N, C-alpha and C. Protein backbone atom coordinates (compact mmCIF):
# COMPACT_ATOMS: atom_id res chain seq x y z
N MET A 1 0.81 -1.19 0.00
CA MET A 1 0.00 0.00 0.00
C MET A 1 0.86 1.26 0.00
N VAL A 2 1.87 1.26 0.84
CA VAL A 2 2.76 2.41 0.92
C VAL A 2 3.54 2.56 -0.38
N LEU A 3 3.97 1.45 -0.96
CA LEU A 3 4.71 1.49 -2.22
C LEU A 3 3.84 2.08 -3.32
N ALA A 4 2.57 1.71 -3.37
CA ALA A 4 1.65 2.24 -4.38
C ALA A 4 1.48 3.75 -4.22
N LEU A 5 1.39 4.22 -2.99
CA LEU A 5 1.27 5.66 -2.75
C LEU A 5 2.54 6.40 -3.16
N VAL A 6 3.69 5.82 -2.87
CA VAL A 6 4.96 6.43 -3.25
C VAL A 6 5.07 6.51 -4.78
N VAL A 7 4.70 5.43 -5.46
CA VAL A 7 4.76 5.41 -6.92
C VAL A 7 3.81 6.47 -7.49
N CYS A 8 2.60 6.56 -6.96
CA CYS A 8 1.63 7.57 -7.43
C CYS A 8 2.16 8.98 -7.19
N ALA A 9 2.77 9.21 -6.02
CA ALA A 9 3.32 10.53 -5.71
C ALA A 9 4.46 10.88 -6.67
N VAL A 10 5.31 9.92 -6.99
CA VAL A 10 6.41 10.17 -7.93
C VAL A 10 5.86 10.48 -9.32
N VAL A 11 4.86 9.73 -9.78
CA VAL A 11 4.28 9.96 -11.09
C VAL A 11 3.64 11.35 -11.17
N VAL A 12 2.90 11.72 -10.14
CA VAL A 12 2.28 13.05 -10.10
C VAL A 12 3.36 14.14 -10.05
N GLY A 13 4.40 13.92 -9.27
CA GLY A 13 5.50 14.89 -9.17
C GLY A 13 6.21 15.09 -10.50
N VAL A 14 6.47 14.00 -11.19
CA VAL A 14 7.12 14.10 -12.50
C VAL A 14 6.21 14.82 -13.49
N GLY A 15 4.91 14.53 -13.45
CA GLY A 15 3.96 15.20 -14.33
C GLY A 15 3.90 16.70 -14.08
N VAL A 16 3.85 17.09 -12.83
CA VAL A 16 3.81 18.51 -12.48
C VAL A 16 5.11 19.19 -12.89
N ALA A 17 6.24 18.54 -12.64
CA ALA A 17 7.53 19.11 -13.04
C ALA A 17 7.60 19.29 -14.55
N GLY A 18 7.08 18.33 -15.32
CA GLY A 18 7.04 18.45 -16.78
C GLY A 18 6.21 19.64 -17.23
N LEU A 19 5.07 19.85 -16.60
CA LEU A 19 4.21 20.98 -16.95
C LEU A 19 4.87 22.31 -16.60
N VAL A 20 5.57 22.36 -15.48
CA VAL A 20 6.26 23.58 -15.08
C VAL A 20 7.36 23.92 -16.08
N VAL A 21 8.15 22.92 -16.47
CA VAL A 21 9.22 23.15 -17.45
C VAL A 21 8.62 23.58 -18.79
N PHE A 22 7.52 22.96 -19.18
CA PHE A 22 6.83 23.29 -20.42
C PHE A 22 6.37 24.75 -20.42
N ALA A 23 5.75 25.21 -19.32
CA ALA A 23 5.28 26.59 -19.21
C ALA A 23 6.46 27.57 -19.14
N LEU A 24 7.53 27.19 -18.45
CA LEU A 24 8.71 28.04 -18.34
C LEU A 24 9.36 28.24 -19.71
N ARG A 25 9.41 27.19 -20.51
CA ARG A 25 9.98 27.28 -21.85
C ARG A 25 9.21 28.29 -22.69
N ARG A 26 7.88 28.22 -22.64
CA ARG A 26 7.06 29.15 -23.43
C ARG A 26 7.30 30.59 -22.98
N ARG A 27 7.40 30.81 -21.66
CA ARG A 27 7.66 32.16 -21.15
C ARG A 27 9.03 32.67 -21.60
N LEU A 28 10.03 31.80 -21.63
CA LEU A 28 11.37 32.20 -22.07
C LEU A 28 11.37 32.56 -23.55
N ILE A 29 10.63 31.81 -24.36
CA ILE A 29 10.55 32.11 -25.79
C ILE A 29 9.88 33.47 -26.00
N GLN A 30 8.80 33.73 -25.27
CA GLN A 30 8.03 34.96 -25.45
C GLN A 30 8.64 36.16 -24.73
N ARG A 31 9.60 35.93 -23.87
CA ARG A 31 10.21 37.01 -23.09
C ARG A 31 10.87 38.05 -23.98
N VAL A 32 11.51 37.61 -25.04
CA VAL A 32 12.23 38.51 -25.94
C VAL A 32 11.27 39.45 -26.66
N GLY A 33 10.04 39.00 -26.90
CA GLY A 33 9.05 39.81 -27.62
C GLY A 33 9.01 39.44 -29.09
N GLY A 34 8.06 40.02 -29.80
CA GLY A 34 7.94 39.76 -31.23
C GLY A 34 7.49 38.35 -31.54
N THR A 35 6.64 37.77 -30.71
CA THR A 35 6.17 36.40 -30.95
C THR A 35 4.69 36.41 -31.34
N PHE A 36 4.29 35.37 -32.05
CA PHE A 36 2.90 35.19 -32.42
C PHE A 36 2.63 33.71 -32.63
N ASP A 37 1.38 33.30 -32.41
CA ASP A 37 0.99 31.91 -32.63
C ASP A 37 0.97 31.65 -34.12
N CYS A 38 1.61 30.56 -34.53
CA CYS A 38 1.74 30.27 -35.95
C CYS A 38 1.82 28.76 -36.15
N SER A 39 0.83 28.21 -36.83
CA SER A 39 0.88 26.79 -37.17
C SER A 39 1.63 26.64 -38.48
N LEU A 40 2.27 25.49 -38.66
CA LEU A 40 3.11 25.26 -39.84
C LEU A 40 2.78 23.90 -40.42
N ARG A 41 2.79 23.82 -41.75
CA ARG A 41 2.58 22.53 -42.43
C ARG A 41 3.59 22.45 -43.57
N LEU A 42 4.41 21.41 -43.53
CA LEU A 42 5.43 21.19 -44.55
C LEU A 42 4.96 20.23 -45.64
N ARG A 43 4.27 19.20 -45.24
CA ARG A 43 3.82 18.18 -46.21
C ARG A 43 2.33 18.35 -46.45
N MET A 44 2.01 18.98 -47.56
CA MET A 44 0.62 19.20 -47.90
C MET A 44 0.06 17.99 -48.63
N PRO A 45 -1.08 17.46 -48.17
CA PRO A 45 -1.73 16.40 -48.94
C PRO A 45 -2.26 16.99 -50.24
N VAL A 46 -2.31 16.18 -51.28
CA VAL A 46 -2.72 16.65 -52.60
C VAL A 46 -4.14 16.20 -52.88
N ARG A 47 -4.93 17.10 -53.49
CA ARG A 47 -6.30 16.75 -53.85
C ARG A 47 -6.29 15.72 -54.96
N ALA A 48 -7.35 14.93 -55.01
CA ALA A 48 -7.46 13.87 -56.01
C ALA A 48 -7.64 14.43 -57.41
N ASP A 49 -8.19 15.64 -57.57
CA ASP A 49 -8.45 16.19 -58.90
C ASP A 49 -7.26 16.95 -59.46
N THR A 50 -6.08 16.86 -58.84
CA THR A 50 -4.89 17.53 -59.33
C THR A 50 -4.33 16.75 -60.52
N PRO A 51 -3.98 17.44 -61.62
CA PRO A 51 -3.46 16.73 -62.78
C PRO A 51 -2.12 16.07 -62.48
N PRO A 52 -1.85 14.92 -63.08
CA PRO A 52 -0.56 14.25 -62.85
C PRO A 52 0.57 15.04 -63.49
N PRO A 53 1.80 14.83 -63.02
CA PRO A 53 2.94 15.54 -63.61
C PRO A 53 3.16 15.12 -65.05
N THR A 54 3.66 16.05 -65.85
CA THR A 54 3.93 15.76 -67.26
C THR A 54 5.42 15.56 -67.46
N ASP A 55 5.77 14.91 -68.58
CA ASP A 55 7.18 14.69 -68.91
C ASP A 55 7.70 15.73 -69.89
N ASP A 56 6.87 16.72 -70.23
CA ASP A 56 7.28 17.76 -71.17
C ASP A 56 8.30 18.67 -70.52
N ASP A 57 8.77 19.63 -71.31
CA ASP A 57 9.71 20.62 -70.79
C ASP A 57 9.04 21.59 -69.84
N GLU A 58 7.72 21.71 -69.91
CA GLU A 58 7.00 22.63 -69.04
C GLU A 58 6.90 22.04 -67.63
N PRO A 59 7.08 22.88 -66.62
CA PRO A 59 6.88 22.36 -65.25
C PRO A 59 5.41 22.07 -65.01
N ALA A 60 5.15 21.06 -64.24
CA ALA A 60 3.77 20.70 -63.91
C ALA A 60 3.19 21.76 -62.99
N PRO A 61 1.88 21.99 -63.07
CA PRO A 61 1.29 22.95 -62.15
C PRO A 61 1.44 22.50 -60.72
N ALA A 62 1.56 23.46 -59.82
CA ALA A 62 1.72 23.13 -58.40
C ALA A 62 0.47 22.42 -57.90
N PRO A 63 0.64 21.32 -57.19
CA PRO A 63 -0.53 20.60 -56.69
C PRO A 63 -1.32 21.46 -55.70
N ALA A 64 -2.62 21.37 -55.81
CA ALA A 64 -3.48 22.12 -54.90
C ALA A 64 -3.61 21.33 -53.60
N PRO A 65 -3.38 21.98 -52.46
CA PRO A 65 -3.47 21.25 -51.20
C PRO A 65 -4.90 20.87 -50.87
N ALA A 66 -5.05 19.71 -50.30
CA ALA A 66 -6.37 19.28 -49.83
C ALA A 66 -6.63 19.90 -48.48
N ALA A 67 -7.88 20.17 -48.20
CA ALA A 67 -8.24 20.81 -46.94
C ALA A 67 -8.66 19.77 -45.92
N ASP A 68 -7.79 18.77 -45.68
CA ASP A 68 -8.17 17.71 -44.76
C ASP A 68 -7.64 17.92 -43.35
N GLY A 69 -6.85 18.94 -43.14
CA GLY A 69 -6.38 19.25 -41.79
C GLY A 69 -5.19 18.46 -41.33
N LYS A 70 -4.66 17.57 -42.15
CA LYS A 70 -3.52 16.76 -41.73
C LYS A 70 -2.22 17.53 -41.92
N GLY A 71 -1.27 17.24 -41.06
CA GLY A 71 0.07 17.79 -41.20
C GLY A 71 0.32 19.10 -40.49
N TRP A 72 -0.68 19.70 -39.88
CA TRP A 72 -0.48 20.97 -39.19
C TRP A 72 0.17 20.75 -37.83
N VAL A 73 1.14 21.59 -37.51
CA VAL A 73 1.82 21.54 -36.22
C VAL A 73 1.70 22.92 -35.59
N PHE A 74 1.15 22.97 -34.38
CA PHE A 74 0.96 24.24 -33.69
C PHE A 74 2.28 24.73 -33.14
N GLY A 75 2.54 26.03 -33.30
CA GLY A 75 3.81 26.57 -32.84
C GLY A 75 3.76 28.04 -32.51
N ILE A 76 4.92 28.54 -32.13
CA ILE A 76 5.12 29.95 -31.82
C ILE A 76 6.23 30.43 -32.74
N ALA A 77 5.99 31.54 -33.41
CA ALA A 77 7.02 32.13 -34.26
C ALA A 77 7.54 33.39 -33.58
N ARG A 78 8.83 33.66 -33.79
CA ARG A 78 9.45 34.83 -33.17
C ARG A 78 10.33 35.53 -34.20
N TYR A 79 10.15 36.84 -34.30
CA TYR A 79 11.01 37.62 -35.19
C TYR A 79 12.39 37.71 -34.56
N SER A 80 13.40 37.45 -35.38
CA SER A 80 14.78 37.52 -34.91
C SER A 80 15.64 38.10 -36.03
N GLY A 81 15.74 39.42 -36.08
CA GLY A 81 16.50 40.08 -37.14
C GLY A 81 15.87 39.85 -38.50
N ASP A 82 16.63 39.24 -39.39
CA ASP A 82 16.15 38.97 -40.75
C ASP A 82 15.61 37.56 -40.92
N SER A 83 15.16 36.95 -39.83
CA SER A 83 14.59 35.61 -39.95
C SER A 83 13.48 35.43 -38.91
N ILE A 84 12.70 34.41 -39.16
CA ILE A 84 11.64 34.01 -38.24
C ILE A 84 12.10 32.69 -37.61
N GLU A 85 12.06 32.62 -36.30
CA GLU A 85 12.35 31.37 -35.60
C GLU A 85 11.02 30.73 -35.23
N TRP A 86 10.84 29.48 -35.58
CA TRP A 86 9.58 28.78 -35.31
C TRP A 86 9.83 27.65 -34.32
N PHE A 87 9.08 27.68 -33.21
CA PHE A 87 9.20 26.69 -32.15
C PHE A 87 7.92 25.86 -32.09
N ARG A 88 8.04 24.56 -31.93
CA ARG A 88 6.86 23.73 -31.67
C ARG A 88 6.34 24.06 -30.28
N VAL A 89 5.03 24.11 -30.14
CA VAL A 89 4.46 24.39 -28.83
C VAL A 89 4.65 23.19 -27.91
N PHE A 90 4.36 22.01 -28.40
CA PHE A 90 4.42 20.82 -27.56
C PHE A 90 5.79 20.17 -27.68
N SER A 91 6.80 20.84 -27.14
CA SER A 91 8.17 20.36 -27.17
C SER A 91 8.92 20.97 -25.99
N TYR A 92 9.97 20.32 -25.57
CA TYR A 92 10.83 20.85 -24.52
C TYR A 92 12.12 21.44 -25.09
N ALA A 93 12.29 21.36 -26.41
CA ALA A 93 13.53 21.83 -27.05
C ALA A 93 13.70 23.33 -26.87
N PRO A 94 14.88 23.78 -26.44
CA PRO A 94 15.09 25.21 -26.23
C PRO A 94 15.36 25.97 -27.53
N ARG A 95 15.73 25.25 -28.58
CA ARG A 95 16.06 25.88 -29.86
C ARG A 95 14.89 25.80 -30.82
N PRO A 96 14.84 26.73 -31.79
CA PRO A 96 13.74 26.68 -32.76
C PRO A 96 13.84 25.45 -33.65
N ARG A 97 12.70 24.92 -34.04
CA ARG A 97 12.65 23.77 -34.93
C ARG A 97 12.99 24.19 -36.36
N ARG A 98 12.56 25.39 -36.74
CA ARG A 98 12.82 25.93 -38.08
C ARG A 98 13.26 27.38 -37.96
N VAL A 99 14.17 27.77 -38.84
CA VAL A 99 14.56 29.17 -38.98
C VAL A 99 14.28 29.53 -40.43
N LEU A 100 13.44 30.54 -40.63
CA LEU A 100 13.02 30.94 -41.97
C LEU A 100 13.60 32.33 -42.28
N PRO A 101 14.71 32.39 -43.02
CA PRO A 101 15.27 33.70 -43.37
C PRO A 101 14.33 34.46 -44.30
N ARG A 102 14.25 35.77 -44.11
CA ARG A 102 13.35 36.60 -44.90
C ARG A 102 13.63 36.48 -46.40
N SER A 103 14.89 36.40 -46.77
CA SER A 103 15.25 36.36 -48.20
C SER A 103 14.85 35.04 -48.87
N GLU A 104 14.53 34.01 -48.10
CA GLU A 104 14.21 32.71 -48.67
C GLU A 104 12.73 32.37 -48.60
N ILE A 105 11.90 33.33 -48.20
CA ILE A 105 10.46 33.10 -48.13
C ILE A 105 9.80 33.80 -49.30
N GLU A 106 9.02 33.06 -50.06
CA GLU A 106 8.26 33.61 -51.18
C GLU A 106 6.78 33.31 -50.94
N VAL A 107 5.97 34.35 -50.82
CA VAL A 107 4.55 34.18 -50.57
C VAL A 107 3.83 33.95 -51.89
N LEU A 108 3.06 32.86 -51.96
CA LEU A 108 2.32 32.53 -53.17
C LEU A 108 0.87 33.00 -53.10
N GLY A 109 0.30 32.98 -51.93
CA GLY A 109 -1.10 33.39 -51.79
C GLY A 109 -1.60 33.12 -50.38
N ARG A 110 -2.84 33.50 -50.17
CA ARG A 110 -3.46 33.27 -48.87
C ARG A 110 -4.87 32.76 -49.08
N ARG A 111 -5.36 32.08 -48.06
CA ARG A 111 -6.71 31.52 -48.11
C ARG A 111 -7.19 31.31 -46.68
N TYR A 112 -8.47 31.06 -46.57
CA TYR A 112 -9.04 30.74 -45.26
C TYR A 112 -9.12 29.23 -45.11
N PRO A 113 -8.99 28.70 -43.92
CA PRO A 113 -9.09 27.25 -43.72
C PRO A 113 -10.44 26.72 -44.20
N ALA A 114 -10.40 25.52 -44.74
CA ALA A 114 -11.63 24.90 -45.24
C ALA A 114 -11.69 23.46 -44.75
N GLY A 115 -12.88 22.95 -44.62
CA GLY A 115 -13.07 21.55 -44.24
C GLY A 115 -12.50 21.25 -42.87
N GLN A 116 -11.74 20.18 -42.80
CA GLN A 116 -11.17 19.73 -41.53
C GLN A 116 -10.10 20.69 -41.00
N GLU A 117 -9.56 21.53 -41.86
CA GLU A 117 -8.57 22.49 -41.39
C GLU A 117 -9.14 23.44 -40.35
N GLU A 118 -10.42 23.75 -40.45
CA GLU A 118 -11.04 24.64 -39.48
C GLU A 118 -10.95 24.08 -38.07
N LEU A 119 -10.93 22.75 -37.96
CA LEU A 119 -10.81 22.11 -36.65
C LEU A 119 -9.35 21.99 -36.21
N ALA A 120 -8.44 21.88 -37.18
CA ALA A 120 -7.03 21.68 -36.86
C ALA A 120 -6.31 22.97 -36.51
N LEU A 121 -6.87 24.12 -36.91
CA LEU A 121 -6.20 25.40 -36.70
C LEU A 121 -6.97 26.25 -35.68
N LEU A 122 -6.29 27.26 -35.18
CA LEU A 122 -6.93 28.18 -34.25
C LEU A 122 -8.04 28.95 -34.96
N SER A 123 -9.04 29.33 -34.22
CA SER A 123 -10.16 30.09 -34.76
C SER A 123 -9.66 31.43 -35.32
N GLY A 124 -10.16 31.80 -36.50
CA GLY A 124 -9.79 33.07 -37.12
C GLY A 124 -8.46 33.05 -37.84
N SER A 125 -7.91 31.88 -38.10
CA SER A 125 -6.61 31.79 -38.77
C SER A 125 -6.75 32.04 -40.27
N VAL A 126 -5.66 32.53 -40.85
CA VAL A 126 -5.52 32.68 -42.29
C VAL A 126 -4.33 31.83 -42.69
N VAL A 127 -4.47 31.07 -43.77
CA VAL A 127 -3.39 30.20 -44.24
C VAL A 127 -2.62 30.93 -45.32
N LEU A 128 -1.32 31.01 -45.16
CA LEU A 128 -0.43 31.66 -46.11
C LEU A 128 0.37 30.58 -46.83
N ARG A 129 0.18 30.47 -48.15
CA ARG A 129 0.94 29.51 -48.95
C ARG A 129 2.26 30.15 -49.35
N CYS A 130 3.37 29.46 -49.05
CA CYS A 130 4.70 30.02 -49.30
C CYS A 130 5.61 28.98 -49.94
N LEU A 131 6.72 29.47 -50.43
CA LEU A 131 7.84 28.63 -50.81
C LEU A 131 9.01 29.03 -49.92
N HIS A 132 9.67 28.05 -49.35
CA HIS A 132 10.86 28.30 -48.55
C HIS A 132 11.97 27.46 -49.14
N ARG A 133 12.96 28.12 -49.72
CA ARG A 133 14.06 27.44 -50.42
C ARG A 133 13.52 26.52 -51.51
N GLY A 134 12.44 26.94 -52.16
CA GLY A 134 11.84 26.18 -53.25
C GLY A 134 10.90 25.08 -52.83
N ALA A 135 10.76 24.83 -51.54
CA ALA A 135 9.86 23.78 -51.05
C ALA A 135 8.57 24.42 -50.54
N PRO A 136 7.43 23.76 -50.79
CA PRO A 136 6.17 24.34 -50.32
C PRO A 136 6.08 24.34 -48.80
N LEU A 137 5.41 25.36 -48.30
CA LEU A 137 5.26 25.56 -46.87
C LEU A 137 3.98 26.34 -46.65
N GLU A 138 3.22 25.98 -45.64
CA GLU A 138 2.03 26.75 -45.30
C GLU A 138 2.15 27.20 -43.85
N LEU A 139 1.79 28.46 -43.63
CA LEU A 139 1.77 29.04 -42.30
C LEU A 139 0.35 29.50 -42.02
N ALA A 140 -0.14 29.23 -40.82
CA ALA A 140 -1.47 29.68 -40.43
C ALA A 140 -1.33 30.58 -39.21
N MET A 141 -1.91 31.76 -39.31
CA MET A 141 -1.80 32.74 -38.22
C MET A 141 -3.03 33.62 -38.23
N SER A 142 -3.18 34.43 -37.20
CA SER A 142 -4.33 35.33 -37.11
C SER A 142 -4.18 36.46 -38.13
N GLU A 143 -5.26 37.18 -38.37
CA GLU A 143 -5.24 38.32 -39.30
C GLU A 143 -4.21 39.36 -38.86
N ASP A 144 -4.17 39.66 -37.56
CA ASP A 144 -3.24 40.66 -37.05
C ASP A 144 -1.79 40.20 -37.23
N ALA A 145 -1.52 38.94 -36.93
CA ALA A 145 -0.17 38.41 -37.11
C ALA A 145 0.21 38.39 -38.59
N LEU A 146 -0.76 38.12 -39.46
CA LEU A 146 -0.50 38.12 -40.91
C LEU A 146 -0.11 39.52 -41.38
N THR A 147 -0.80 40.53 -40.91
CA THR A 147 -0.47 41.90 -41.27
C THR A 147 0.96 42.23 -40.85
N GLY A 148 1.33 41.88 -39.63
CA GLY A 148 2.68 42.12 -39.16
C GLY A 148 3.72 41.33 -39.95
N PHE A 149 3.41 40.07 -40.26
CA PHE A 149 4.33 39.21 -41.00
C PHE A 149 4.59 39.77 -42.39
N LEU A 150 3.52 40.17 -43.10
CA LEU A 150 3.69 40.71 -44.45
C LEU A 150 4.43 42.05 -44.41
N ALA A 151 4.17 42.87 -43.40
CA ALA A 151 4.91 44.13 -43.26
C ALA A 151 6.39 43.85 -43.00
N TRP A 152 6.68 42.84 -42.19
CA TRP A 152 8.07 42.46 -41.91
C TRP A 152 8.75 41.99 -43.20
N LEU A 153 8.04 41.20 -44.01
CA LEU A 153 8.62 40.74 -45.28
C LEU A 153 8.91 41.92 -46.22
N GLU A 154 7.96 42.84 -46.31
CA GLU A 154 8.12 43.99 -47.21
C GLU A 154 9.18 44.96 -46.72
N ALA A 155 9.52 44.92 -45.45
CA ALA A 155 10.51 45.84 -44.89
C ALA A 155 11.93 45.32 -45.07
N ALA A 156 12.13 44.48 -46.05
CA ALA A 156 13.47 43.93 -46.31
C ALA A 156 14.44 45.04 -46.70
N PRO A 157 15.72 44.85 -46.42
CA PRO A 157 16.70 45.86 -46.80
C PRO A 157 16.72 46.06 -48.32
N PRO A 158 17.15 47.24 -48.79
CA PRO A 158 17.20 47.49 -50.22
C PRO A 158 18.05 46.45 -50.95
N GLY A 159 17.57 46.05 -52.12
CA GLY A 159 18.29 45.08 -52.93
C GLY A 159 17.92 43.64 -52.66
N GLN A 160 17.16 43.41 -51.61
CA GLN A 160 16.74 42.04 -51.30
C GLN A 160 15.44 41.75 -52.03
N ARG A 161 15.38 40.62 -52.71
CA ARG A 161 14.19 40.22 -53.46
C ARG A 161 13.11 39.78 -52.50
N VAL A 162 11.94 40.41 -52.59
CA VAL A 162 10.82 40.05 -51.73
C VAL A 162 9.60 39.85 -52.62
N ASN A 163 8.90 38.73 -52.44
CA ASN A 163 7.68 38.46 -53.20
C ASN A 163 6.56 38.26 -52.22
N VAL A 164 5.66 39.24 -52.13
CA VAL A 164 4.52 39.16 -51.23
C VAL A 164 3.26 39.22 -52.09
N ALA A 165 2.51 38.12 -52.09
CA ALA A 165 1.29 38.07 -52.91
C ALA A 165 0.16 38.81 -52.23
């Protein structure tokens, strides 16, 4: 009986300590300022009605993402000079999972979440379709964060190529 109580106390203690470290990490990330909630999706599922790739010299049209809500990861983004640092929310890692330099982000368009995405993303999110180093990337953020993000992109130093759709 005593052993069971000790084991339960240890399990509860470890759980509480994990939550404290988790909350402390988020506070440390946000302490610097310039942070916003930002979901990220690297692997977009493709809709069934997308045409297959061709073998011609012409590049195939970019596949249209399906709105099934899969692949989204909730995170916190932080402005850091000429790059955005993106941290996973549900992680203990002190370093950002992704660093997105301003010069390597190309905005293709924006849209509102549809279908299952509405459940996978925060309420009021806008999805921004981008290319990062030539690879597709989607970012979902609030309208206010989107305005700040696009202003940050457009505020690039002179001579830097910026594409904001």
